[in-house]
Amino acid sequence: MAYEKKPGDVSLFETEKMGRESAPDHQGYFIAHRDIKAGEKIAIALWAGRQNSARSFGGKVSDSPKPQPSQPKQPTDLFGNPVSIEKDGKGGR
């Protein structure tokens, strides 16, 4: 049974230049796992030497983790206890 390509798969193969030095060293493709916007950075991971071919690479395309919105931290004392800050700038409990 032949390998079936899945969304997110990456394949990269060494090019046989056959005397053409301007030919690329490697060529390949990836199967998009979602719509991709122009200029968007896409993370990929590659592993060398797929079965029966030491001159190829295979891998995965994935979404970069999105930064979580940071919430303002509540001030704490030296022991990690929450400290409230009043309008006059003086701390209290």
Protein backbone atom coordinates (compact mmCIF):
# COMPACT_ATOMS: atom_id res chain seq x y z
CA MET A 1 0.00 0.00 0.00
CA ALA A 2 1.41 3.40 -1.00
CA TYR A 3 1.92 6.15 1.57
CA GLU A 4 -1.01 8.55 1.56
CA LYS A 5 -0.11 12.21 2.02
CA LYS A 6 -1.94 13.99 4.84
CA PRO A 7 -2.48 17.69 5.56
CA GLY A 8 0.62 19.06 7.30
CA ASP A 9 3.05 16.60 5.65
CA VAL A 10 6.34 17.92 4.20
CA SER A 11 8.60 16.21 1.65
CA LEU A 12 12.02 17.47 0.57
CA PHE A 13 14.32 15.68 -1.87
CA GLU A 14 17.91 16.20 -2.97
CA THR A 15 18.02 17.32 -6.59
CA GLU A 16 20.23 15.48 -9.08
CA LYS A 17 21.98 18.43 -10.72
CA MET A 18 23.28 16.49 -13.72
CA GLY A 19 25.92 19.13 -14.51
CA ARG A 20 23.66 22.15 -13.91
CA GLU A 21 25.22 24.04 -11.01
CA SER A 22 22.36 26.57 -11.02
CA ALA A 23 19.84 23.82 -10.15
CA PRO A 24 18.54 23.88 -6.56
CA ASP A 25 20.13 21.51 -4.04
CA HIS A 26 16.73 20.34 -2.75
CA GLN A 27 13.13 20.52 -3.92
CA GLY A 28 9.90 19.51 -2.27
CA TYR A 29 6.45 20.46 -1.14
CA PHE A 30 4.09 20.52 1.80
CA ILE A 31 0.40 19.78 2.03
CA ALA A 32 -1.30 22.80 3.61
CA HIS A 33 -3.34 21.92 6.67
CA ARG A 34 -5.32 25.18 6.54
CA ASP A 35 -5.59 28.41 4.55
CA ILE A 36 -2.32 30.33 4.61
CA LYS A 37 -2.04 34.10 4.36
CA ALA A 38 0.63 35.90 2.32
CA GLY A 39 3.62 36.78 4.49
CA GLU A 40 2.62 34.36 7.24
CA LYS A 41 5.48 32.42 8.86
CA ILE A 42 4.81 28.66 8.91
CA ALA A 43 6.81 26.38 11.21
CA ILE A 44 8.15 23.12 9.76
CA ALA A 45 10.13 20.23 11.25
CA LEU A 46 12.23 17.89 9.06
CA TRP A 47 13.84 14.50 9.64
CA ALA A 48 16.67 13.25 7.42
CA GLY A 49 16.64 9.94 5.56
CA ARG A 50 13.19 8.63 4.98
CA GLN A 51 13.01 4.86 4.51
CA ASN A 52 15.03 3.60 1.53
CA SER A 53 16.41 7.08 0.76
CA ALA A 54 19.17 8.81 2.72
CA ARG A 55 18.93 11.81 0.35
CA SER A 56 15.42 12.90 1.27
CA PHE A 57 13.71 14.57 4.20
CA GLY A 58 10.20 14.27 5.57
CA GLY A 59 8.40 16.29 8.18
CA LYS A 60 5.41 18.23 9.41
CA VAL A 61 3.97 21.73 9.07
CA SER A 62 2.43 23.17 12.22
CA ASP A 63 1.01 26.37 13.58
CA SER A 64 3.30 28.41 15.81
CA PRO A 65 1.91 28.71 19.31
CA LYS A 66 0.03 31.98 19.70
CA PRO A 67 1.08 34.12 22.65
CA GLN A 68 -1.50 34.17 25.40
CA PRO A 69 -2.76 37.63 26.35
CA SER A 70 -0.97 38.65 29.51
CA GLN A 71 -3.05 39.67 32.46
CA PRO A 72 -1.71 42.27 34.85
CA LYS A 73 -0.15 40.54 37.82
CA GLN A 74 -1.47 41.34 41.24
CA PRO A 75 1.31 42.62 43.52
CA THR A 76 2.47 40.26 46.27
CA ASP A 77 4.54 40.62 49.40
CA LEU A 78 7.81 38.74 50.01
CA PHE A 79 5.84 35.63 50.95
CA GLY A 80 3.63 35.60 47.84
CA ASN A 81 0.54 36.96 49.59
CA PRO A 82 -1.62 39.32 47.50
CA VAL A 83 -1.24 43.00 48.34
CA SER A 84 -3.89 45.54 47.39
CA ILE A 85 -2.79 48.97 46.20
CA GLU A 86 -5.02 51.84 47.18
CA LYS A 87 -5.47 55.06 45.20
CA ASP A 88 -3.10 56.98 47.47
CA GLY A 89 -0.30 54.56 46.43
CA LYS A 90 0.06 53.01 49.85
CA GLY A 91 -0.29 49.26 50.07
CA GLY A 92 -2.65 47.57 52.44
CA ARG A 93 -4.20 44.19 53.13
